[in-house]
């Protein structure tokens, strides 16, 4: 196991030591250095084999990489169409007649935004700006506002159809995402209900909504001219539902030969993944709108630039993952796992993911560093791959919100503090939504035992 322990410990050390010269905690370089060390410890000295290992890792993560790129471009088209603004307006008209209704509308809007963008920070930024002043008018303290926005964004980021956590865990396990996504619809829907009740009870103190905050006019008046912006979103949702319920892939019906051709090409096959093709289709539909066409170049450029940080991480994790398979670390873990009791492997692996996610504030880092070797070990002791994928995504997503380094909460704290011109306590804010983080981790642990 020494060939596994050394690269993993080195990786965690490099990520946490931000002041280390040259590397400075850059996750991509940390992952790549750990990957090279894994290769050397596995006695793989041929540079050609190093390249092959990287290609292997890129091939295994191909659809995740494609999802990051095309998902970011799709998100930019929806921002241009102000689809999420329209969603918030619609929800305000439905729930915004009371103080608690405003919080309900906010959490649901953030959840929808997160499920479409696949990223908690993006959701919190896009929708958070729109609701901060309204939540302050409800006499909610800045830390409470951060807790509400972060809760909705975190829940949305793991909710399908665009859920990086589930997609990444499914890819690392090597299982189709359909079943994990179906489980997640249930767990996150329950989470939204429970967390909304908690947030309303914890932070909403006033009984009646100020007159200026009560939505004026009918639903049709408030949504006038906004309904058309929902078409690309509805098309995406419809494609996902038809594929999930009736197993009919609309894209394959239209462009089946092209998709089949792409699916046979190493790495490029990531584009042929059905979720990616659905996103590309929804993006194409978005270009039917004049505003999107006119700003098409800027939209694509912004989408690519926004995707670059995530793509850099996946470039590094691809080398680490490929190295683990090439140099024998995966085999070593499987052999070691057979000597452990199932409970020791489940609890020990979960704690390792929790620690990494807590220290780095990133579920993807926890999964790439720990779950990449833990996944095959858990499957090897007889656990269902689909449930393993669900467990890892929930544990990592929940733990990334634990104090003191939740990236999403820190971003929202800066956002709220800047807009309200008030000091915001990050730790107090993180403790405000701690029950949500705990819920996510416990749900993940549950899936390791059912």
Protein backbone atom coordinates (compact mmCIF):
# COMPACT_ATOMS: atom_id res chain seq x y z
CA UNK A 1 0.00 0.00 0.00
CA UNK A 2 3.03 2.28 0.24
CA UNK A 3 2.74 3.01 -3.50
CA UNK A 4 -0.77 4.38 -2.80
CA UNK A 5 -0.16 6.17 0.49
CA UNK A 6 2.86 8.21 -0.64
CA UNK A 7 1.23 9.82 -3.75
CA UNK A 8 -2.00 10.57 -1.84
CA UNK A 9 -0.21 12.07 1.16
CA UNK A 10 2.02 14.09 -1.16
CA UNK A 11 -1.06 15.33 -3.04
CA UNK A 12 -2.84 16.47 0.13
CA UNK A 13 0.37 18.12 1.39
CA UNK A 14 0.88 20.02 -1.88
CA UNK A 15 -2.76 21.20 -1.99
CA UNK A 16 -2.74 22.45 1.60
CA UNK A 17 0.68 24.12 1.51
CA UNK A 18 -0.31 27.22 -0.43
CA UNK A 19 3.04 28.93 0.13
CA UNK A 20 5.15 26.17 -1.39
CA UNK A 21 7.28 27.72 -4.19
CA UNK A 22 6.21 27.14 -7.81
CA UNK A 23 3.23 24.88 -6.98
CA UNK A 24 1.51 27.22 -4.46
CA UNK A 25 -1.46 24.89 -3.96
CA UNK A 26 -2.46 24.88 -7.66
CA UNK A 27 -4.69 21.80 -7.80
CA UNK A 28 -3.80 20.89 -11.40
CA UNK A 29 -0.06 20.86 -10.71
CA UNK A 30 -0.58 19.05 -7.41
CA UNK A 31 -2.54 16.30 -9.15
CA UNK A 32 0.04 15.99 -11.93
CA UNK A 33 2.99 15.81 -9.55
CA UNK A 34 1.21 13.12 -7.53
CA UNK A 35 0.49 11.28 -10.79
CA UNK A 36 4.15 11.31 -11.82
CA UNK A 37 5.19 10.10 -8.35
CA UNK A 38 2.63 7.29 -8.61
CA UNK A 39 4.12 6.24 -11.95
CA UNK A 40 7.68 6.27 -10.61
CA UNK A 41 6.70 4.30 -7.51
CA UNK A 42 5.01 1.76 -9.78
CA UNK A 43 8.34 1.48 -11.68
CA UNK A 44 6.92 3.03 -14.83
CA UNK A 45 9.93 4.98 -16.13
CA UNK A 46 9.19 5.18 -19.86
CA UNK A 47 7.88 8.66 -20.84
CA UNK A 48 5.80 7.04 -23.58
CA UNK A 49 3.97 5.06 -20.89
CA UNK A 50 3.41 8.30 -19.00
CA UNK A 51 1.66 9.77 -22.03
CA UNK A 52 -0.38 6.59 -22.45
CA UNK A 53 -1.42 6.79 -18.79
CA UNK A 54 -2.54 10.40 -19.26
CA UNK A 55 -4.53 9.46 -22.37
CA UNK A 56 -6.13 6.61 -20.41
CA UNK A 57 -7.18 9.04 -17.69
CA UNK A 58 -8.45 11.60 -20.19
CA UNK A 59 -10.46 8.87 -21.90
CA UNK A 60 -12.04 7.81 -18.59
CA UNK A 61 -12.96 11.42 -17.77
CA UNK A 62 -13.73 12.43 -21.37
CA UNK A 63 -17.44 13.07 -20.92
CA UNK A 64 -16.86 14.97 -17.67
CA UNK A 65 -14.41 17.25 -19.50
CA UNK A 66 -16.89 17.71 -22.36
CA UNK A 67 -19.65 18.41 -19.84
CA UNK A 68 -17.57 21.13 -18.19
CA UNK A 69 -16.91 22.87 -21.51
CA UNK A 70 -20.31 22.62 -23.19
CA UNK A 71 -22.18 23.06 -19.91
CA UNK A 72 -20.41 26.36 -19.35
CA UNK A 73 -21.31 27.60 -22.84
CA UNK A 74 -24.94 26.55 -22.32
CA UNK A 75 -25.01 28.40 -18.98
CA UNK A 76 -23.83 31.57 -20.73
CA UNK A 77 -26.67 31.36 -23.26
CA UNK A 78 -29.18 31.12 -20.41
CA UNK A 79 -27.58 34.10 -18.70
CA UNK A 80 -27.88 36.07 -21.94
CA UNK A 81 -31.58 35.13 -22.19
CA UNK A 82 -32.08 36.03 -18.50
CA UNK A 83 -33.79 32.67 -18.03
CA UNK A 84 -32.86 32.47 -14.36
CA UNK A 85 -34.17 36.01 -13.76
CA UNK A 86 -37.47 34.86 -15.26
CA UNK A 87 -37.48 31.78 -13.01
CA UNK A 88 -37.06 34.00 -9.95
CA UNK A 89 -39.85 36.31 -11.12
CA UNK A 90 -42.14 33.31 -11.64
CA UNK A 91 -41.39 31.92 -8.19
CA UNK A 92 -41.84 35.31 -6.53
CA UNK A 93 -45.29 35.56 -8.10
CA UNK A 94 -46.16 32.11 -6.71
CA UNK A 95 -44.60 32.24 -3.21
CA UNK A 96 -43.69 35.85 -2.59
CA UNK A 97 -46.75 36.95 -0.64
CA UNK A 98 -45.17 36.33 2.78
CA UNK A 99 -41.71 36.59 4.38
CA UNK A 100 -41.29 32.82 4.42
CA UNK A 101 -42.54 32.69 0.84
CA UNK A 102 -39.65 34.91 -0.23
CA UNK A 103 -37.18 32.46 1.33
CA UNK A 104 -38.95 29.51 -0.31
CA UNK A 105 -38.81 31.22 -3.70
CA UNK A 106 -35.13 32.06 -3.18
CA UNK A 107 -34.11 28.50 -2.28
CA UNK A 108 -36.06 26.98 -5.16
CA UNK A 109 -34.66 29.52 -7.65
CA UNK A 110 -31.12 28.82 -6.43
CA UNK A 111 -31.81 25.10 -6.65
CA UNK A 112 -33.01 25.41 -10.24
CA UNK A 113 -30.05 27.61 -11.14
CA UNK A 114 -27.62 25.16 -9.57
CA UNK A 115 -29.20 22.20 -11.36
CA UNK A 116 -28.81 23.98 -14.70
CA UNK A 117 -25.33 25.40 -14.12
CA UNK A 118 -23.94 22.42 -12.22
CA UNK A 119 -21.93 24.70 -9.94
CA UNK A 120 -22.78 26.15 -6.52
CA UNK A 121 -20.61 29.25 -6.86
CA UNK A 122 -22.10 30.13 -10.26
CA UNK A 123 -25.65 29.65 -8.95
CA UNK A 124 -24.97 31.71 -5.82
CA UNK A 125 -23.46 34.49 -7.90
CA UNK A 126 -26.12 34.63 -10.64
CA UNK A 127 -29.17 34.44 -8.36
CA UNK A 128 -27.62 35.72 -5.14
CA UNK A 129 -27.14 39.22 -6.51
CA UNK A 130 -30.86 39.38 -7.24
CA UNK A 131 -32.09 38.43 -3.76
CA UNK A 132 -29.64 39.90 -1.25
CA UNK A 133 -31.49 43.22 -0.84
CA UNK A 134 -34.86 41.47 -0.58
CA UNK A 135 -33.60 39.17 2.17
CA UNK A 136 -32.15 42.15 4.04
CA UNK A 137 -35.57 43.82 3.89
CA UNK A 138 -36.86 40.79 5.80
CA UNK A 139 -34.58 41.87 8.69
CA UNK A 140 -32.35 38.83 8.17
CA UNK A 141 -28.75 39.27 9.35
CA UNK A 142 -25.98 39.09 6.73
CA UNK A 143 -24.84 35.70 8.02
CA UNK A 144 -28.40 34.39 7.62
CA UNK A 145 -28.53 35.71 4.06
CA UNK A 146 -25.28 33.88 3.30
CA UNK A 147 -26.68 30.68 4.82
CA UNK A 148 -29.87 30.87 2.74
CA UNK A 149 -28.09 31.59 -0.55
CA UNK A 150 -25.38 28.97 0.05
CA UNK A 151 -27.93 26.32 1.03
CA UNK A 152 -29.94 26.72 -2.15
CA UNK A 153 -26.83 26.85 -4.33
CA UNK A 154 -25.29 23.74 -2.76
CA UNK A 155 -28.50 21.75 -3.13
CA UNK A 156 -28.90 22.85 -6.72
CA UNK A 157 -25.32 22.02 -7.67
CA UNK A 158 -25.87 18.31 -7.00
CA UNK A 159 -29.42 18.18 -8.40
CA UNK A 160 -29.72 16.69 -11.93
CA UNK A 161 -29.90 17.25 -14.85
CA UNK A 162 -26.50 19.03 -14.65
CA UNK A 163 -24.76 17.67 -11.57
CA UNK A 164 -20.97 17.65 -11.62
CA UNK A 165 -20.75 15.71 -8.34
CA UNK A 166 -22.88 12.80 -9.58
CA UNK A 167 -21.33 12.83 -13.04
CA UNK A 168 -17.81 12.75 -11.59
CA UNK A 169 -18.54 9.99 -9.08
CA UNK A 170 -20.32 7.92 -11.75
CA UNK A 171 -17.36 8.35 -14.07
CA UNK A 172 -14.88 7.27 -11.39
CA UNK A 173 -17.00 4.21 -10.57
CA UNK A 174 -17.56 3.47 -14.25
CA UNK A 175 -21.35 3.36 -14.18
CA UNK A 176 -24.09 4.97 -16.25
CA UNK A 177 -25.45 8.10 -14.59
CA UNK A 178 -29.16 7.34 -14.99
CA UNK A 179 -29.68 5.41 -11.74
CA UNK A 180 -27.52 7.71 -9.56
CA UNK A 181 -29.37 10.72 -11.00
CA UNK A 182 -32.76 9.16 -10.22
CA UNK A 183 -31.71 8.58 -6.60
CA UNK A 184 -30.44 12.14 -6.38
CA UNK A 185 -33.71 13.67 -7.57
CA UNK A 186 -35.28 12.09 -4.48
CA UNK A 187 -32.57 12.90 -1.93
CA UNK A 188 -32.19 16.53 -2.99
CA UNK A 189 -35.94 17.13 -3.28
CA UNK A 190 -36.29 15.93 0.32
CA UNK A 191 -33.30 18.08 1.24
CA UNK A 192 -34.87 21.20 -0.29
CA UNK A 193 -38.07 20.66 1.69
CA UNK A 194 -36.27 20.03 5.00
CA UNK A 195 -33.77 22.84 4.57
CA UNK A 196 -36.42 25.35 3.53
CA UNK A 197 -38.41 24.63 6.70
CA UNK A 198 -35.22 24.97 8.75
CA UNK A 199 -34.14 28.26 7.11
CA UNK A 200 -37.57 29.81 7.55
CA UNK A 201 -37.74 28.80 11.22
CA UNK A 202 -34.16 29.89 11.93
CA UNK A 203 -33.89 33.20 10.10
CA UNK A 204 -37.34 34.64 9.31
CA UNK A 205 -38.55 36.63 12.32
CA UNK A 206 -41.05 39.10 10.86
CA UNK A 207 -44.67 38.04 10.38
CA UNK A 208 -45.80 40.22 7.49
CA UNK A 209 -44.13 41.29 4.28
CA UNK A 210 -43.42 45.02 3.82
CA UNK A 211 -45.83 46.57 1.34
CA UNK A 212 -43.10 47.41 -1.17
CA UNK A 213 -42.06 43.73 -1.38
CA UNK A 214 -45.47 42.30 -2.19
CA UNK A 215 -45.57 41.31 -5.90
CA UNK A 216 -47.86 43.60 -7.85
CA UNK A 217 -50.06 42.54 -10.74
CA UNK A 218 -51.07 39.15 -12.06
CA UNK A 219 -48.74 36.34 -13.03
CA UNK A 220 -49.31 37.07 -16.71
CA UNK A 221 -48.39 40.73 -16.18
CA UNK A 222 -45.20 39.89 -14.29
CA UNK A 223 -44.10 37.31 -16.87
CA UNK A 224 -45.09 39.29 -19.95
CA UNK A 225 -42.43 38.93 -22.62
CA UNK A 226 -40.44 36.41 -20.55
CA UNK A 227 -42.08 33.10 -21.39
CA UNK A 228 -40.12 32.55 -24.61
CA UNK A 229 -36.84 32.52 -22.69
CA UNK A 230 -37.89 29.19 -21.13
CA UNK A 231 -37.90 27.24 -24.44
CA UNK A 232 -34.24 26.04 -24.37
CA UNK A 233 -34.57 25.11 -20.69
CA UNK A 234 -37.82 23.22 -21.29
CA UNK A 235 -36.27 21.45 -24.29
CA UNK A 236 -33.38 20.27 -22.11
CA UNK A 237 -35.71 19.08 -19.35
CA UNK A 238 -37.93 17.31 -21.88
CA UNK A 239 -34.98 15.50 -23.46
CA UNK A 240 -33.82 14.30 -20.04
CA UNK A 241 -37.32 13.13 -19.02
CA UNK A 242 -37.97 11.28 -22.28
CA UNK A 243 -34.60 9.54 -22.04
CA UNK A 244 -35.03 8.66 -18.36
CA UNK A 245 -38.65 7.49 -18.44
CA UNK A 246 -39.08 6.05 -21.93
CA UNK A 247 -35.42 5.40 -22.83
CA UNK A 248 -35.80 7.41 -26.03
CA UNK A 249 -32.76 9.51 -26.91
CA UNK A 250 -34.07 12.35 -29.06
CA UNK A 251 -30.59 13.36 -30.22
CA UNK A 252 -29.83 9.82 -31.40
CA UNK A 253 -33.02 9.83 -33.44
CA UNK A 254 -31.79 12.93 -35.28
CA UNK A 255 -28.01 12.48 -35.39
CA UNK A 256 -27.48 8.83 -34.44
CA UNK A 257 -24.74 8.03 -37.01
CA UNK A 258 -22.68 11.08 -36.01
CA UNK A 259 -23.01 10.31 -32.29
CA UNK A 260 -22.01 6.69 -32.92
CA UNK A 261 -18.97 7.80 -34.94
CA UNK A 262 -17.83 10.19 -32.20
CA UNK A 263 -18.35 7.57 -29.49
CA UNK A 264 -15.68 5.39 -31.09
CA UNK A 265 -12.91 8.02 -30.89
CA UNK A 266 -10.64 8.11 -27.85
CA UNK A 267 -11.29 11.17 -25.62
CA UNK A 268 -13.49 12.78 -28.31
CA UNK A 269 -16.13 10.23 -27.34
CA UNK A 270 -16.95 12.46 -24.36
CA UNK A 271 -18.95 14.66 -26.73
CA UNK A 272 -21.16 11.66 -27.56
CA UNK A 273 -22.34 11.28 -23.96
CA UNK A 274 -26.11 11.74 -23.92
CA UNK A 275 -26.10 14.52 -21.30
CA UNK A 276 -23.47 16.42 -23.30
CA UNK A 277 -25.45 16.01 -26.53
CA UNK A 278 -28.57 17.28 -24.76
CA UNK A 279 -26.66 20.36 -23.58
CA UNK A 280 -25.30 21.00 -27.07
CA UNK A 281 -28.83 20.67 -28.48
CA UNK A 282 -30.25 23.13 -25.94
CA UNK A 283 -27.41 25.53 -26.77
CA UNK A 284 -28.19 25.30 -30.49
CA UNK A 285 -31.84 26.06 -29.72
CA UNK A 286 -30.71 29.09 -27.71
CA UNK A 287 -28.97 30.48 -30.80
CA UNK A 288 -32.39 30.82 -32.42
CA UNK A 289 -32.77 33.95 -30.27
CA UNK A 290 -31.51 37.18 -31.80
CA UNK A 291 -29.71 38.38 -28.65
CA UNK A 292 -27.76 35.12 -28.42
CA UNK A 293 -26.84 35.19 -32.11
CA UNK A 294 -25.68 38.80 -31.93
CA UNK A 295 -23.46 38.07 -28.93
CA UNK A 296 -22.61 34.51 -29.94
CA UNK A 297 -18.86 35.06 -30.09
CA UNK A 298 -18.73 36.69 -26.66
CA UNK A 299 -21.02 34.01 -25.20
CA UNK A 300 -18.82 31.17 -26.44
CA UNK A 301 -15.67 33.00 -25.29
CA UNK A 302 -17.10 33.62 -21.80
CA UNK A 303 -18.24 30.01 -21.59
CA UNK A 304 -14.80 28.69 -22.50
CA UNK A 305 -13.03 31.07 -20.12
CA UNK A 306 -15.38 30.12 -17.28
CA UNK A 307 -14.74 26.43 -17.97
CA UNK A 308 -10.93 26.74 -17.98
CA UNK A 309 -10.37 26.48 -14.17
CA UNK A 310 -12.42 23.28 -13.99
CA UNK A 311 -10.83 21.84 -17.13
CA UNK A 312 -7.36 22.44 -15.69
CA UNK A 313 -8.30 20.38 -12.63
CA UNK A 314 -9.60 17.57 -14.83
CA UNK A 315 -6.37 17.60 -16.86
CA UNK A 316 -4.47 16.96 -13.65
CA UNK A 317 -6.90 14.40 -12.27
CA UNK A 318 -6.78 12.52 -15.59
CA UNK A 319 -3.03 11.99 -15.18
CA UNK A 320 -3.47 10.88 -11.56
CA UNK A 321 -6.31 8.50 -12.44
CA UNK A 322 -4.48 7.05 -15.45
CA UNK A 323 -1.32 6.68 -13.40
CA UNK A 324 -3.15 4.76 -10.69
CA UNK A 325 -4.42 2.26 -13.25
CA UNK A 326 -1.10 2.01 -15.13
CA UNK A 327 1.27 1.81 -12.16
CA UNK A 328 -0.79 -0.68 -10.12
CA UNK A 329 -2.20 1.51 -7.35
CA UNK A 330 -5.78 0.43 -8.08
CA UNK A 331 -4.77 -3.24 -7.88
CA UNK A 332 -2.91 -2.56 -4.63
CA UNK A 333 -5.96 -0.88 -3.09
CA UNK A 334 -8.22 -3.75 -4.15
CA UNK A 335 -5.84 -6.28 -2.64
CA UNK A 336 -5.59 -4.27 0.59
CA UNK A 337 -9.36 -3.79 0.72
CA UNK A 338 -9.96 -7.53 0.74
CA UNK A 339 -8.14 -7.65 4.10
CA UNK A 340 -10.33 -4.95 5.68
CA UNK A 341 -13.78 -5.36 7.10
CA UNK A 342 -16.46 -3.70 4.95
CA UNK A 343 -17.25 -1.25 7.76
CA UNK A 344 -13.62 -0.20 8.11
CA UNK A 345 -13.38 0.53 4.40
CA UNK A 346 -16.69 2.42 4.27
CA UNK A 347 -16.07 4.56 7.36
CA UNK A 348 -12.35 5.10 6.74
CA UNK A 349 -12.86 6.04 3.08
CA UNK A 350 -15.74 8.36 3.94
CA UNK A 351 -13.74 10.11 6.63
CA UNK A 352 -10.86 10.59 4.19
CA UNK A 353 -13.20 12.24 1.68
CA UNK A 354 -14.75 14.41 4.38
CA UNK A 355 -11.35 15.61 5.57
CA UNK A 356 -10.13 16.51 2.08
CA UNK A 357 -13.42 18.19 1.10
CA UNK A 358 -13.47 20.16 4.36
CA UNK A 359 -9.87 21.33 4.08
CA UNK A 360 -10.08 22.26 0.39
CA UNK A 361 -13.73 23.37 0.20
CA UNK A 362 -14.10 21.36 -3.00
CA UNK A 363 -16.07 18.18 -3.66
CA UNK A 364 -14.26 17.56 -6.93
CA UNK A 365 -10.87 17.61 -5.19
CA UNK A 366 -12.11 15.13 -2.58
CA UNK A 367 -13.42 12.81 -5.25
CA UNK A 368 -10.38 13.09 -7.50
CA UNK A 369 -7.91 12.49 -4.66
CA UNK A 370 -9.74 9.91 -2.51
CA UNK A 371 -12.64 8.43 -4.44
CA UNK A 372 -10.53 7.64 -7.51
CA UNK A 373 -8.95 4.75 -5.54
CA UNK A 374 -11.78 4.19 -3.04
CA UNK A 375 -14.45 3.55 -5.71
CA UNK A 376 -13.04 0.28 -7.09
CA UNK A 377 -12.30 -0.93 -3.57
CA UNK A 378 -15.92 -0.40 -2.47
CA UNK A 379 -17.26 -2.11 -5.58
CA UNK A 380 -14.77 -4.92 -5.00
CA UNK A 381 -16.34 -5.75 -1.61
CA UNK A 382 -19.74 -6.17 -3.23
CA UNK A 383 -21.42 -2.73 -3.06
CA UNK A 384 -23.67 -1.70 -5.94
CA UNK A 385 -21.72 0.74 -8.17
CA UNK A 386 -24.73 3.05 -8.57
CA UNK A 387 -25.14 3.44 -4.80
CA UNK A 388 -21.38 3.95 -4.36
CA UNK A 389 -21.57 6.82 -6.88
CA UNK A 390 -24.50 8.42 -5.04
CA UNK A 391 -22.75 8.02 -1.69
CA UNK A 392 -19.51 9.66 -2.81
CA UNK A 393 -21.24 12.61 -4.48
CA UNK A 394 -23.34 13.36 -1.40
CA UNK A 395 -20.51 12.93 1.11
CA UNK A 396 -18.11 15.13 -0.85
CA UNK A 397 -20.75 17.75 -1.63
CA UNK A 398 -21.84 17.97 2.00
CA UNK A 399 -18.33 18.07 3.43
CA UNK A 400 -17.22 20.85 1.08
CA UNK A 401 -19.60 23.12 2.99
CA UNK A 402 -18.13 22.36 6.42
CA UNK A 403 -16.28 25.18 8.21
CA UNK A 404 -13.78 26.73 7.82
CA UNK A 405 -13.00 26.66 4.09
CA UNK A 406 -16.30 26.36 2.19
CA UNK A 407 -15.49 28.11 -1.08
CA UNK A 408 -19.14 28.77 -1.92
CA UNK A 409 -19.83 30.35 1.47
CA UNK A 410 -16.70 32.50 1.29
CA UNK A 411 -17.71 33.78 -2.16
CA UNK A 412 -21.23 34.56 -0.94
CA UNK A 413 -19.87 36.27 2.18
CA UNK A 414 -17.84 38.59 -0.04
CA UNK A 415 -20.88 39.18 -2.26
CA UNK A 416 -23.23 39.96 0.63
CA UNK A 417 -20.66 42.06 2.45
CA UNK A 418 -19.95 44.12 -0.66
CA UNK A 419 -23.58 44.75 -1.61
CA UNK A 420 -24.76 45.53 1.93
CA UNK A 421 -21.51 47.22 2.97
CA UNK A 422 -21.50 45.20 6.17
CA UNK A 423 -19.04 42.87 7.84
CA UNK A 424 -19.99 39.21 7.46
CA UNK A 425 -18.68 36.45 9.75
CA UNK A 426 -17.82 33.46 7.49
CA UNK A 427 -17.74 30.84 10.28
CA UNK A 428 -21.09 31.99 11.68
CA UNK A 429 -22.51 31.88 8.14
CA UNK A 430 -21.22 28.33 7.61
CA UNK A 431 -22.70 27.17 10.90
CA UNK A 432 -25.99 28.69 9.76
CA UNK A 433 -26.38 26.07 7.03
CA UNK A 434 -24.43 23.29 8.81
CA UNK A 435 -27.52 21.05 9.15
CA UNK A 436 -27.68 20.91 5.34
CA UNK A 437 -24.04 19.82 5.07
CA UNK A 438 -24.62 17.21 7.74
CA UNK A 439 -27.76 15.97 5.95
CA UNK A 440 -25.79 15.48 2.72
CA UNK A 441 -23.02 13.53 4.44
CA UNK A 442 -25.47 11.31 6.34
CA UNK A 443 -27.43 10.56 3.16
CA UNK A 444 -24.19 9.56 1.48
CA UNK A 445 -23.25 7.27 4.37
CA UNK A 446 -26.74 5.74 4.24
CA UNK A 447 -26.22 4.68 0.61
CA UNK A 448 -23.15 2.69 1.66
CA UNK A 449 -25.33 0.57 3.91
CA UNK A 450 -28.61 0.07 2.03
